[in-house]
Amino acid sequence: QVQLVESGGGLVQAGGSLRLSCAASGTIFSIAAMGWYRQAPGKQRELVASIPSSGRKIYADSVKGRFTISRDNAKNTVYLQMNSLKPEDTAVYYCNVQRKVGTGTVASWGQGTQVTVSS
């Protein structure tokens, strides 16, 4: 089991910045990737950014150039720096950890943190 604790959400004006953090604890070995998803009202949950244990970072087209994902392995923490925020970035943001189990992966989710961008 992996426990994820998110922080850093809030209300910000368009053009502003926020930094989300997600600290992982518990069964945190064999992590394949850590990332962030978001879900706006009435929409499906979507990938925002992912950082694999090996390989290149992945970003949704809508956030490229504005958001940066990073990871501190010593602290088992993943961050999402969000700059130039837009009203359409408003959503609940969820931390996600993918662990290798056998030939597949198992996902764990945080409780979500609200990000609201006012125009």
Protein backbone atom coordinates (compact mmCIF):
# COMPACT_ATOMS: atom_id res chain seq x y z
CA GLN A 1 0.00 0.00 0.00
CA VAL A 2 1.14 3.50 -0.84
CA GLN A 3 -0.14 6.54 1.00
CA LEU A 4 -0.04 9.86 -0.82
CA VAL A 5 -0.44 13.24 0.84
CA GLU A 6 -0.92 16.23 -1.42
CA SER A 7 -0.57 19.89 -0.64
CA GLY A 8 -0.27 23.23 -2.37
CA GLY A 9 -3.61 23.78 -4.03
CA GLY A 10 -5.58 26.97 -3.70
CA LEU A 11 -7.05 30.00 -5.40
CA VAL A 12 -4.93 32.09 -7.73
CA GLN A 13 -5.54 34.72 -10.39
CA ALA A 14 -4.91 33.99 -14.03
CA GLY A 15 -1.23 34.33 -14.82
CA GLY A 16 -0.24 33.31 -11.32
CA SER A 17 1.66 30.29 -10.05
CA LEU A 18 1.16 27.43 -7.66
CA ARG A 19 3.33 24.52 -6.61
CA LEU A 20 1.79 21.18 -5.73
CA SER A 21 3.58 18.60 -3.62
CA CYS A 22 2.84 14.94 -3.08
CA ALA A 23 4.68 12.90 -0.45
CA ALA A 24 4.58 9.12 -0.74
CA SER A 25 4.93 6.68 2.14
CA GLY A 26 4.33 2.99 2.76
CA THR A 27 5.23 0.40 0.12
CA ILE A 28 7.20 2.79 -2.03
CA PHE A 29 9.70 0.46 -3.67
CA SER A 30 9.42 -0.57 -7.30
CA ILE A 31 7.89 2.75 -8.33
CA ALA A 32 7.57 2.91 -12.10
CA ALA A 33 6.29 6.48 -12.31
CA MET A 34 4.89 9.36 -10.31
CA GLY A 35 2.59 11.93 -11.77
CA TRP A 36 -0.33 14.29 -11.62
CA TYR A 37 -3.81 14.03 -13.07
CA ARG A 38 -6.66 16.49 -12.92
CA GLN A 39 -10.41 16.40 -13.16
CA ALA A 40 -12.57 19.39 -13.91
CA PRO A 41 -16.33 19.38 -13.20
CA GLY A 42 -18.18 17.33 -15.78
CA LYS A 43 -14.98 16.09 -17.40
CA GLN A 44 -12.93 12.94 -17.28
CA ARG A 45 -9.76 12.70 -15.27
CA GLU A 46 -6.77 13.47 -17.49
CA LEU A 47 -3.03 13.15 -17.26
CA VAL A 48 -1.24 16.42 -16.59
CA ALA A 49 2.35 15.27 -16.21
CA SER A 50 4.28 12.13 -15.37
CA ILE A 51 7.86 11.43 -14.40
CA PRO A 52 8.98 7.83 -14.84
CA SER A 53 11.79 6.23 -12.88
CA SER A 54 13.61 5.99 -16.18
CA GLY A 55 12.83 7.81 -19.36
CA ARG A 56 11.51 11.19 -20.32
CA LYS A 57 8.92 13.30 -18.57
CA ILE A 58 5.48 13.41 -20.13
CA TYR A 59 3.26 16.48 -20.30
CA ALA A 60 -0.23 17.10 -21.60
CA ASP A 61 -0.13 19.41 -24.60
CA SER A 62 -2.26 21.93 -22.75
CA VAL A 63 0.37 22.47 -20.04
CA LYS A 64 3.63 22.18 -21.98
CA GLY A 65 5.85 25.18 -21.40
CA ARG A 66 3.86 26.24 -18.33
CA PHE A 67 4.04 23.30 -15.91
CA THR A 68 7.11 21.47 -14.68
CA ILE A 69 7.12 18.13 -12.90
CA SER A 70 10.02 17.12 -10.69
CA ARG A 71 10.80 14.43 -8.19
CA ASP A 72 12.91 14.19 -5.04
CA ASN A 73 13.71 10.51 -4.61
CA ALA A 74 15.28 11.05 -1.19
CA LYS A 75 11.99 12.49 0.08
CA ASN A 76 9.75 10.28 -2.06
CA THR A 77 8.02 13.44 -3.17
CA VAL A 78 6.81 14.64 -6.54
CA TYR A 79 6.18 18.28 -7.34
CA LEU A 80 4.20 20.15 -9.97
CA GLN A 81 5.23 23.74 -10.56
CA MET A 82 2.40 25.49 -12.37
CA ASN A 83 3.11 28.87 -13.96
CA SER A 84 1.03 31.13 -16.19
CA LEU A 85 -2.11 29.53 -14.86
CA LYS A 86 -5.32 29.85 -16.85
CA PRO A 87 -8.96 29.55 -15.78
CA GLU A 88 -9.14 26.31 -17.75
CA ASP A 89 -6.55 24.82 -15.39
CA THR A 90 -9.20 24.87 -12.66
CA ALA A 91 -9.69 21.31 -11.44
CA VAL A 92 -9.03 18.88 -8.65
CA TYR A 93 -5.47 17.68 -9.03
CA TYR A 94 -4.62 14.12 -8.02
CA CYS A 95 -1.23 12.64 -7.32
CA ASN A 96 -0.63 9.22 -8.85
CA VAL A 97 2.01 6.57 -8.23
CA GLN A 98 2.46 3.52 -10.44
CA ARG A 99 4.21 0.55 -8.81
CA LYS A 100 5.61 -2.42 -10.64
CA VAL A 101 3.86 -5.60 -9.53
CA GLY A 102 4.78 -8.74 -11.43
CA THR A 103 4.43 -7.96 -15.13
CA GLY A 104 2.07 -5.06 -14.58
CA THR A 105 1.58 -1.97 -12.47
CA VAL A 106 -0.68 -0.95 -9.61
CA ALA A 107 -1.88 2.63 -9.24
CA SER A 108 -2.31 4.58 -6.03
CA TRP A 109 -4.07 7.93 -5.79
CA GLY A 110 -3.98 10.88 -3.48
CA GLN A 111 -7.10 12.49 -2.07
CA GLY A 112 -6.93 15.39 -4.49
CA THR A 113 -6.26 19.07 -4.05
CA GLN A 114 -8.39 21.85 -5.52
CA VAL A 115 -6.81 24.38 -7.85
CA THR A 116 -8.99 27.33 -8.81
CA VAL A 117 -7.82 29.96 -11.28
CA SER A 118 -9.89 33.11 -11.45
CA SER A 119 -10.05 35.29 -14.54
